[in-house]
Structure formats: structure tokens, C-alpha cells
Amino acid sequence: MSSKSKLIDFPARKKPLVRRTLSSGGYEAEFFTDPSADFPVVHYVVSRKGEAEILAWGQESSMEAAQRAAMDAMHDMYKRHTAAG
């Protein structure tokens, strides 16, 4: 028996929707939703523009709430960065 026969075959899923809509003060937020979920969940990830390191992340029950949370995170990071000089 080969090791390939032991792999679990997961059902095909739709790709998550990605909206890269928000940027502020050198930061960028990406939003992900799972169209096959039974209830709406919007995940967001905040990073510096052009960098891969995740600085903040979370999930909300609507796109509007996720955008507010991401904007709050970017605003707080910008304030801390400018205060540090």
C-alpha cells in the first residue's frame, strides 16, 4: 500500500474572496470571506505595504465591521510609529 492511498480527499471548495480595498499610513488591509460558510465571517489581515509580515488580524461578522476594525488597527499602528519617531 503506498502512502498516497492514505491521503484524505477533501471536497472541492470555492476559493475565498479577497478584497484588497483599504490602505492607510503605509499599511494595507486584505479581506477574506468564505462563500461556502453557513454564516458570514470576514477575516482581515493588516501588514505594511509591500511586506508579508502580519501585524494585525481578526474576524468580524460583516465586511463593514471588518473594515472598521482594520482601519482602527492601521490608525493605531500609524500613531505608535509616528510617536516613536
N, C-alpha and C. Protein backbone atom coordinates (compact mmCIF):
# COMPACT_ATOMS: atom_id res chain seq x y z
N MET A 1 0.85 -1.17 0.00
CA MET A 1 0.00 0.00 0.00
C MET A 1 0.90 1.24 0.00
N SER A 2 0.68 2.13 -0.93
CA SER A 2 1.51 3.34 -1.00
C SER A 2 0.98 4.38 -0.03
N SER A 3 1.85 5.36 0.29
CA SER A 3 1.44 6.41 1.22
C SER A 3 0.36 7.31 0.61
N LYS A 4 0.28 7.35 -0.72
CA LYS A 4 -0.74 8.17 -1.36
C LYS A 4 -2.14 7.65 -1.08
N SER A 5 -2.29 6.35 -0.89
CA SER A 5 -3.61 5.80 -0.65
C SER A 5 -4.14 6.18 0.73
N LYS A 6 -3.30 6.68 1.60
CA LYS A 6 -3.71 7.07 2.95
C LYS A 6 -4.16 8.53 3.03
N LEU A 7 -4.00 9.28 1.96
CA LEU A 7 -4.38 10.69 1.99
C LEU A 7 -5.90 10.84 2.02
N ILE A 8 -6.35 11.83 2.74
CA ILE A 8 -7.78 12.12 2.81
C ILE A 8 -8.13 13.02 1.64
N ASP A 9 -9.23 12.73 0.98
CA ASP A 9 -9.68 13.54 -0.15
C ASP A 9 -10.76 14.48 0.35
N PHE A 10 -10.44 15.78 0.44
CA PHE A 10 -11.39 16.78 0.89
C PHE A 10 -12.24 17.24 -0.28
N PRO A 11 -13.50 17.58 -0.02
CA PRO A 11 -14.35 18.06 -1.11
C PRO A 11 -13.85 19.40 -1.65
N ALA A 12 -14.10 19.62 -2.93
CA ALA A 12 -13.68 20.87 -3.56
C ALA A 12 -14.47 22.02 -2.94
N ARG A 13 -13.78 23.14 -2.72
CA ARG A 13 -14.43 24.33 -2.15
C ARG A 13 -14.16 25.51 -3.04
N LYS A 14 -15.04 26.46 -2.96
CA LYS A 14 -14.81 27.70 -3.69
C LYS A 14 -13.65 28.42 -3.04
N LYS A 15 -12.88 29.16 -3.84
CA LYS A 15 -11.78 29.95 -3.30
C LYS A 15 -12.35 31.10 -2.49
N PRO A 16 -11.66 31.50 -1.41
CA PRO A 16 -12.14 32.64 -0.65
C PRO A 16 -12.06 33.92 -1.49
N LEU A 17 -12.98 34.81 -1.25
CA LEU A 17 -12.99 36.09 -1.93
C LEU A 17 -11.99 37.01 -1.24
N VAL A 18 -11.14 37.65 -1.99
CA VAL A 18 -10.16 38.57 -1.44
C VAL A 18 -10.46 39.96 -1.97
N ARG A 19 -10.60 40.92 -1.08
CA ARG A 19 -10.77 42.31 -1.49
C ARG A 19 -9.66 43.12 -0.86
N ARG A 20 -8.78 43.64 -1.67
CA ARG A 20 -7.69 44.48 -1.15
C ARG A 20 -8.13 45.93 -1.34
N THR A 21 -8.90 46.43 -0.38
CA THR A 21 -9.52 47.73 -0.58
C THR A 21 -8.99 48.84 0.29
N LEU A 22 -8.40 48.51 1.43
CA LEU A 22 -8.04 49.57 2.36
C LEU A 22 -6.54 49.71 2.53
N SER A 23 -6.09 50.96 2.53
CA SER A 23 -4.71 51.26 2.89
C SER A 23 -4.71 52.61 3.59
N SER A 24 -3.80 52.74 4.54
CA SER A 24 -3.72 53.98 5.31
C SER A 24 -2.37 54.07 5.99
N GLY A 25 -1.72 55.21 5.87
CA GLY A 25 -0.48 55.47 6.60
C GLY A 25 0.62 54.45 6.37
N GLY A 26 0.74 53.91 5.17
CA GLY A 26 1.77 52.92 4.88
C GLY A 26 1.37 51.50 5.22
N TYR A 27 0.14 51.29 5.65
CA TYR A 27 -0.36 49.97 5.99
C TYR A 27 -1.43 49.56 4.98
N GLU A 28 -1.68 48.26 4.90
CA GLU A 28 -2.63 47.72 3.94
C GLU A 28 -3.44 46.62 4.61
N ALA A 29 -4.74 46.57 4.31
CA ALA A 29 -5.60 45.53 4.86
C ALA A 29 -6.18 44.70 3.72
N GLU A 30 -6.13 43.38 3.88
CA GLU A 30 -6.74 42.44 2.94
C GLU A 30 -7.90 41.76 3.65
N PHE A 31 -8.97 41.50 2.91
CA PHE A 31 -10.17 40.91 3.48
C PHE A 31 -10.48 39.60 2.77
N PHE A 32 -10.85 38.59 3.55
CA PHE A 32 -11.14 37.26 3.04
C PHE A 32 -12.50 36.82 3.54
N THR A 33 -13.33 36.28 2.65
CA THR A 33 -14.59 35.68 3.06
C THR A 33 -14.67 34.29 2.48
N ASP A 34 -15.37 33.41 3.15
CA ASP A 34 -15.56 32.05 2.67
C ASP A 34 -16.98 31.94 2.15
N PRO A 35 -17.16 31.89 0.83
CA PRO A 35 -18.50 31.86 0.27
C PRO A 35 -19.29 30.58 0.59
N SER A 36 -18.64 29.55 1.06
CA SER A 36 -19.36 28.31 1.37
C SER A 36 -19.73 28.21 2.85
N ALA A 37 -19.38 29.20 3.65
CA ALA A 37 -19.71 29.16 5.08
C ALA A 37 -21.22 29.34 5.29
N ASP A 38 -21.73 28.73 6.34
CA ASP A 38 -23.15 28.82 6.65
C ASP A 38 -23.55 30.19 7.19
N PHE A 39 -22.61 30.92 7.75
CA PHE A 39 -22.87 32.25 8.28
C PHE A 39 -21.71 33.15 7.85
N PRO A 40 -21.95 34.44 7.70
CA PRO A 40 -20.90 35.32 7.19
C PRO A 40 -19.77 35.52 8.21
N VAL A 41 -18.56 35.31 7.75
CA VAL A 41 -17.36 35.59 8.53
C VAL A 41 -16.39 36.28 7.58
N VAL A 42 -15.92 37.44 7.98
CA VAL A 42 -14.96 38.18 7.18
C VAL A 42 -13.66 38.26 7.98
N HIS A 43 -12.60 37.73 7.42
CA HIS A 43 -11.28 37.76 8.05
C HIS A 43 -10.51 38.93 7.46
N TYR A 44 -9.71 39.60 8.28
CA TYR A 44 -8.86 40.67 7.76
C TYR A 44 -7.44 40.48 8.25
N VAL A 45 -6.50 40.92 7.42
CA VAL A 45 -5.08 40.84 7.72
C VAL A 45 -4.48 42.21 7.40
N VAL A 46 -3.72 42.76 8.35
CA VAL A 46 -3.07 44.06 8.16
C VAL A 46 -1.57 43.87 8.14
N SER A 47 -0.92 44.51 7.17
CA SER A 47 0.54 44.47 7.06
C SER A 47 1.01 45.82 6.53
N ARG A 48 2.32 46.03 6.54
CA ARG A 48 2.87 47.21 5.88
C ARG A 48 2.79 46.97 4.39
N LYS A 49 2.59 48.03 3.63
CA LYS A 49 2.52 47.90 2.17
C LYS A 49 3.79 47.24 1.66
N GLY A 50 3.65 46.21 0.84
CA GLY A 50 4.78 45.55 0.22
C GLY A 50 5.50 44.55 1.11
N GLU A 51 5.03 44.32 2.33
CA GLU A 51 5.67 43.37 3.24
C GLU A 51 4.72 42.23 3.57
N ALA A 52 5.27 41.08 3.91
CA ALA A 52 4.47 39.89 4.18
C ALA A 52 4.13 39.72 5.65
N GLU A 53 4.84 40.38 6.55
CA GLU A 53 4.61 40.19 7.99
C GLU A 53 3.22 40.67 8.38
N ILE A 54 2.47 39.81 9.06
CA ILE A 54 1.13 40.15 9.54
C ILE A 54 1.28 40.92 10.85
N LEU A 55 0.76 42.14 10.86
CA LEU A 55 0.84 42.98 12.05
C LEU A 55 -0.44 42.94 12.89
N ALA A 56 -1.55 42.68 12.25
CA ALA A 56 -2.84 42.55 12.95
C ALA A 56 -3.75 41.67 12.12
N TRP A 57 -4.65 40.99 12.77
CA TRP A 57 -5.62 40.17 12.07
C TRP A 57 -6.81 39.96 12.97
N GLY A 58 -7.92 39.59 12.36
CA GLY A 58 -9.13 39.34 13.13
C GLY A 58 -10.24 38.88 12.22
N GLN A 59 -11.42 38.73 12.80
CA GLN A 59 -12.58 38.35 12.01
C GLN A 59 -13.80 39.06 12.58
N GLU A 60 -14.72 39.36 11.68
CA GLU A 60 -15.96 40.04 12.04
C GLU A 60 -17.10 39.38 11.29
N SER A 61 -18.31 39.74 11.64
CA SER A 61 -19.49 39.12 11.02
C SER A 61 -19.98 39.86 9.78
N SER A 62 -19.33 40.98 9.43
CA SER A 62 -19.70 41.70 8.21
C SER A 62 -18.48 42.40 7.63
N MET A 63 -18.55 42.72 6.34
CA MET A 63 -17.45 43.43 5.70
C MET A 63 -17.28 44.81 6.33
N GLU A 64 -18.37 45.48 6.65
CA GLU A 64 -18.29 46.81 7.24
C GLU A 64 -17.58 46.78 8.59
N ALA A 65 -17.92 45.82 9.43
CA ALA A 65 -17.28 45.69 10.74
C ALA A 65 -15.80 45.34 10.59
N ALA A 66 -15.47 44.49 9.64
CA ALA A 66 -14.07 44.12 9.40
C ALA A 66 -13.28 45.32 8.90
N GLN A 67 -13.88 46.13 8.03
CA GLN A 67 -13.19 47.33 7.54
C GLN A 67 -12.95 48.32 8.67
N ARG A 68 -13.93 48.50 9.55
CA ARG A 68 -13.75 49.41 10.69
C ARG A 68 -12.62 48.91 11.60
N ALA A 69 -12.62 47.62 11.89
CA ALA A 69 -11.60 47.04 12.77
C ALA A 69 -10.21 47.17 12.15
N ALA A 70 -10.10 46.92 10.86
CA ALA A 70 -8.81 47.04 10.17
C ALA A 70 -8.34 48.49 10.15
N MET A 71 -9.26 49.41 9.88
CA MET A 71 -8.89 50.83 9.89
C MET A 71 -8.44 51.27 11.27
N ASP A 72 -9.13 50.82 12.31
CA ASP A 72 -8.72 51.14 13.68
C ASP A 72 -7.31 50.62 13.96
N ALA A 73 -7.04 49.39 13.53
CA ALA A 73 -5.71 48.79 13.74
C ALA A 73 -4.64 49.59 12.99
N MET A 74 -4.91 49.94 11.73
CA MET A 74 -3.93 50.70 10.95
C MET A 74 -3.70 52.08 11.56
N HIS A 75 -4.76 52.73 12.03
CA HIS A 75 -4.64 54.05 12.64
C HIS A 75 -3.79 53.97 13.91
N ASP A 76 -4.05 52.96 14.76
CA ASP A 76 -3.27 52.79 15.99
C ASP A 76 -1.80 52.52 15.69
N MET A 77 -1.52 51.69 14.69
CA MET A 77 -0.13 51.40 14.32
C MET A 77 0.57 52.66 13.80
N TYR A 78 -0.13 53.43 13.00
CA TYR A 78 0.44 54.66 12.46
C TYR A 78 0.76 55.64 13.59
N LYS A 79 -0.16 55.79 14.55
CA LYS A 79 0.08 56.69 15.68
C LYS A 79 1.29 56.24 16.48
N ARG A 80 1.39 54.93 16.77
CA ARG A 80 2.54 54.42 17.53
C ARG A 80 3.84 54.63 16.77
N HIS A 81 3.81 54.40 15.45
CA HIS A 81 5.01 54.55 14.63
C HIS A 81 5.48 56.01 14.59
N THR A 82 4.55 56.94 14.41
CA THR A 82 4.93 58.36 14.34
C THR A 82 5.34 58.88 15.71
N ALA A 83 4.77 58.36 16.79
CA ALA A 83 5.15 58.79 18.13
C ALA A 83 6.55 58.30 18.50
N ALA A 84 6.92 57.14 17.95
CA ALA A 84 8.25 56.58 18.24
C ALA A 84 9.34 57.33 17.50
N GLY A 85 8.95 58.05 16.46
CA GLY A 85 9.88 58.90 15.73
C GLY A 85 10.62 58.19 14.71
